[in-house]
Amino acid sequence: MTPPRLLTLPGWLNSGPGHWQTRWEQLHGCVRVEQEDWLWPRRGDWMVRLEEVLLGSATPALLVAHSLGCQLVAAWASRSSHTARVRGALLVAPPDTERPDVPPQLHSWRPMPRQRLPFPATVVASTDDPYCEPRRCAELAADWGATLVDAGARGHLNGESGLGDWPEGMSLLHALSSQTPALPRREFESAGLPYQAVAPLSRSHRALDHSEEH
């Protein structure tokens, strides 16, 4: 089987030099999906760019998303007819873009897509993430049909979290690629959400839609 491409999907304002995504690109050959506008991200534009990158190669991809990149994966998967190009997704620290204090730059990311992802996914969440409450993150993981992993109190799991090269995250990515768990699942006790297997879905949408932006 051909090894998948590893595509990193940063969040709002991109990932800096100390971010684990940047370090993975340097250490493990991950390739960043560059967006035209990191300051005012329009959901439809970001979806189109991801689609372009995925269609640019016949090799399937593993998506390595952080923050708003997680919402990008969910939005793209809900609209694209090419989800078979993705083998799985590691979704780290998805933000709650429906919170009342979300800045205007991110208003086009409402409402959050809740459809079950048509490929295996793992959501990694921090118990003290300032951008998403633990229960809210658990709800997203359940809706997306993803395994939920509790990373402990590590903030937004970004460059300020002291993760370094984050070998634990790479272990989760390897587990996702092989479809076998490498680490035990530690779900939030307060969530009470059982693990649910992911089943492939068929997609009827033929084109990406900008109509939800406002």
Protein backbone atom coordinates (compact mmCIF):
# COMPACT_ATOMS: atom_id res chain seq x y z
CA MET A 1 0.00 0.00 0.00
CA THR A 2 1.30 3.45 -0.91
CA PRO A 3 2.13 5.51 2.19
CA PRO A 4 -0.23 8.47 2.53
CA ARG A 5 0.80 12.09 2.21
CA LEU A 6 0.87 13.92 5.54
CA LEU A 7 -0.84 17.30 5.14
CA THR A 8 -0.79 19.83 7.97
CA LEU A 9 -3.75 22.19 8.28
CA PRO A 10 -2.94 25.10 10.60
CA GLY A 11 -5.57 27.22 12.26
CA TRP A 12 -6.27 30.94 12.24
CA LEU A 13 -3.08 33.05 11.85
CA ASN A 14 -1.06 29.99 10.76
CA SER A 15 1.42 27.96 12.86
CA GLY A 16 4.70 29.54 13.92
CA PRO A 17 8.22 28.07 14.10
CA GLY A 18 7.75 26.58 17.58
CA HIS A 19 4.46 24.89 16.76
CA TRP A 20 4.45 21.08 16.66
CA GLN A 21 2.98 21.21 13.12
CA THR A 22 6.02 23.16 11.91
CA ARG A 23 8.36 20.76 13.70
CA TRP A 24 6.62 17.77 12.15
CA GLU A 25 7.10 19.31 8.72
CA GLN A 26 10.82 19.55 9.44
CA LEU A 27 11.17 16.13 11.08
CA HIS A 28 8.60 13.91 9.38
CA GLY A 29 8.08 15.36 5.92
CA CYS A 30 4.60 16.75 6.50
CA VAL A 31 3.48 19.31 3.92
CA ARG A 32 1.52 22.41 4.88
CA VAL A 33 -1.63 23.38 3.03
CA GLU A 34 -0.99 27.08 2.54
CA GLN A 35 -3.98 29.39 2.57
CA GLU A 36 -4.14 32.72 0.77
CA ASP A 37 -5.49 34.62 3.76
CA TRP A 38 -4.55 33.59 7.29
CA LEU A 39 -5.86 36.79 8.88
CA TRP A 40 -9.42 36.82 7.54
CA PRO A 41 -10.10 33.15 6.77
CA ARG A 42 -13.19 32.56 4.67
CA ARG A 43 -14.47 29.04 5.14
CA GLY A 44 -15.39 28.49 1.50
CA ASP A 45 -11.98 29.68 0.30
CA TRP A 46 -10.16 27.40 2.71
CA MET A 47 -12.31 24.46 1.63
CA VAL A 48 -11.54 25.08 -2.04
CA ARG A 49 -7.82 25.27 -1.32
CA LEU A 50 -7.88 21.94 0.56
CA GLU A 51 -9.79 20.37 -2.31
CA GLU A 52 -7.19 21.64 -4.80
CA VAL A 53 -4.32 20.13 -2.82
CA LEU A 54 -6.04 16.78 -2.41
CA LEU A 55 -6.90 16.57 -6.11
CA GLY A 56 -3.36 17.51 -7.04
CA SER A 57 -2.09 14.00 -6.30
CA ALA A 58 -3.50 10.50 -6.62
CA THR A 59 -1.82 9.55 -3.34
CA PRO A 60 -4.27 9.51 -0.42
CA ALA A 61 -3.62 11.81 2.51
CA LEU A 62 -3.66 11.87 6.27
CA LEU A 63 -4.85 15.26 7.49
CA VAL A 64 -3.06 16.74 10.51
CA ALA A 65 -5.22 19.63 11.66
CA HIS A 66 -4.94 22.11 14.50
CA SER A 67 -7.56 24.52 15.80
CA LEU A 68 -9.52 26.08 12.91
CA GLY A 69 -7.95 23.45 10.64
CA CYS A 70 -10.17 20.91 12.42
CA GLN A 71 -13.26 22.87 11.48
CA LEU A 72 -11.90 23.03 7.94
CA VAL A 73 -11.74 19.22 7.77
CA ALA A 74 -15.33 18.89 8.98
CA ALA A 75 -16.62 21.57 6.61
CA TRP A 76 -14.76 20.17 3.59
CA ALA A 77 -15.87 16.59 4.30
CA SER A 78 -19.51 17.69 4.52
CA ARG A 79 -19.38 19.18 1.00
CA SER A 80 -16.78 17.36 -1.05
CA SER A 81 -17.38 14.39 -3.33
CA HIS A 82 -13.69 13.44 -3.05
CA THR A 83 -13.49 12.33 0.57
CA ALA A 84 -12.01 9.00 -0.53
CA ARG A 85 -8.75 10.93 -1.03
CA VAL A 86 -8.42 11.12 2.77
CA ARG A 87 -7.34 8.10 4.79
CA GLY A 88 -7.86 9.71 8.18
CA ALA A 89 -7.63 12.92 10.20
CA LEU A 90 -5.90 13.91 13.41
CA LEU A 91 -7.94 16.82 14.80
CA VAL A 92 -6.12 18.69 17.56
CA ALA A 93 -7.86 21.31 19.72
CA PRO A 94 -10.92 22.11 17.59
CA PRO A 95 -12.30 25.54 18.56
CA ASP A 96 -15.90 26.35 19.29
CA THR A 97 -16.65 28.90 16.58
CA GLU A 98 -20.23 29.35 17.80
CA ARG A 99 -19.20 31.00 21.06
CA PRO A 100 -20.46 34.58 21.51
CA ASP A 101 -16.92 35.89 22.01
CA VAL A 102 -15.57 34.58 18.68
CA PRO A 103 -13.89 37.45 16.78
CA PRO A 104 -15.55 38.73 13.58
CA GLN A 105 -12.77 37.22 11.44
CA LEU A 106 -14.22 33.78 12.21
CA HIS A 107 -17.93 34.48 11.83
CA SER A 108 -18.03 32.70 8.46
CA TRP A 109 -17.23 29.47 10.33
CA ARG A 110 -20.73 29.29 11.79
CA PRO A 111 -22.55 27.02 12.16
CA MET A 112 -20.08 24.26 12.91
CA PRO A 113 -20.52 21.16 10.70
CA ARG A 114 -21.74 18.19 12.73
CA GLN A 115 -21.94 15.47 10.06
CA ARG A 116 -20.14 12.20 10.75
CA LEU A 117 -16.80 12.13 8.99
CA PRO A 118 -16.50 9.50 6.24
CA PHE A 119 -12.98 8.51 7.33
CA PRO A 120 -11.36 7.57 10.65
CA ALA A 121 -10.56 10.51 12.91
CA THR A 122 -9.06 11.21 16.32
CA VAL A 123 -9.84 14.36 18.27
CA VAL A 124 -7.20 15.43 20.79
CA ALA A 125 -8.50 17.85 23.41
CA SER A 126 -7.08 19.78 26.34
CA THR A 127 -9.04 20.14 29.56
CA ASP A 128 -8.18 23.84 29.82
CA ASP A 129 -8.39 24.89 26.18
CA PRO A 130 -9.45 28.56 26.25
CA TYR A 131 -11.27 28.20 22.92
CA CYS A 132 -13.44 25.15 23.58
CA GLU A 133 -14.98 23.70 26.72
CA PRO A 134 -14.24 19.98 27.31
CA ARG A 135 -17.88 18.93 27.05
CA ARG A 136 -18.33 20.91 23.84
CA CYS A 137 -15.26 19.24 22.35
CA ALA A 138 -16.59 15.85 23.39
CA GLU A 139 -19.86 16.61 21.63
CA LEU A 140 -18.00 17.53 18.43
CA ALA A 141 -15.97 14.32 18.56
CA ALA A 142 -19.13 12.26 19.02
CA ASP A 143 -20.92 14.01 16.15
CA TRP A 144 -17.90 13.52 13.87
CA GLY A 145 -17.65 9.83 14.86
CA ALA A 146 -14.10 10.39 16.12
CA THR A 147 -12.13 8.84 18.96
CA LEU A 148 -11.64 11.37 21.76
CA VAL A 149 -8.25 11.58 23.50
CA ASP A 150 -7.76 13.68 26.63
CA ALA A 151 -4.36 15.41 26.50
CA GLY A 152 -4.70 16.85 29.99
CA ALA A 153 -4.31 20.52 30.85
CA ARG A 154 -2.18 21.72 27.92
CA GLY A 155 -3.90 24.92 26.85
CA HIS A 156 -4.67 25.16 23.14
CA LEU A 157 -2.12 22.44 22.26
CA ASN A 158 -0.12 24.96 20.26
CA GLY A 159 3.36 26.46 20.30
CA GLU A 160 2.77 27.86 23.78
CA SER A 161 1.87 24.47 25.26
CA GLY A 162 5.46 23.22 25.51
CA LEU A 163 4.81 20.13 23.39
CA GLY A 164 8.14 20.24 21.55
CA ASP A 165 8.21 17.60 18.82
CA TRP A 166 5.09 16.05 20.44
CA PRO A 167 5.90 12.35 20.02
CA GLU A 168 2.61 11.41 21.70
CA GLY A 169 0.75 13.10 18.88
CA MET A 170 2.84 11.29 16.29
CA SER A 171 1.98 8.01 18.00
CA LEU A 172 -1.70 8.86 17.61
CA LEU A 173 -1.13 9.65 13.94
CA HIS A 174 0.57 6.29 13.39
CA ALA A 175 -2.33 4.56 15.14
CA LEU A 176 -4.78 6.38 12.92
CA SER A 177 -2.84 5.35 9.82
CA SER A 178 -2.76 1.68 10.81
CA GLN A 179 -6.36 1.66 12.06
CA THR A 180 -5.25 0.12 15.36
CA PRO A 181 -5.11 1.96 18.70
CA ALA A 182 -1.56 2.64 19.90
CA LEU A 183 -2.59 4.47 23.06
CA PRO A 184 -5.58 3.84 25.36
CA ARG A 185 -8.52 6.18 24.84
CA ARG A 186 -9.03 8.51 27.79
CA GLU A 187 -12.40 10.11 27.34
CA PHE A 188 -13.67 12.88 29.56
CA GLU A 189 -15.56 11.35 32.48
CA SER A 190 -18.08 14.15 32.43
CA ALA A 191 -18.95 13.51 28.80
CA GLY A 192 -20.13 9.92 29.19
CA LEU A 193 -19.73 9.33 25.45
CA PRO A 194 -19.02 5.79 24.16
CA TYR A 195 -16.63 5.19 21.30
CA GLN A 196 -18.40 4.72 17.96
CA ALA A 197 -16.83 3.17 14.89
CA VAL A 198 -16.63 5.29 11.76
CA ALA A 199 -18.39 4.04 8.64
CA PRO A 200 -17.81 5.45 5.15
CA LEU A 201 -20.46 7.81 3.85
CA SER A 202 -21.49 8.61 0.32
CA ARG A 203 -21.58 12.26 -0.69
CA SER A 204 -24.08 13.81 -3.09
CA HIS A 205 -22.52 17.27 -3.24
CA ARG A 206 -20.63 17.85 -6.49
CA ALA A 207 -19.14 21.25 -5.70
CA LEU A 208 -17.93 23.25 -2.74
CA ASP A 209 -20.39 25.84 -1.56
CA HIS A 210 -19.71 29.40 -0.44
CA SER A 211 -23.35 30.01 0.37
CA GLU A 212 -22.98 29.51 4.13
CA GLU A 213 -20.51 32.39 4.45
CA HIS A 214 -21.74 35.66 5.85
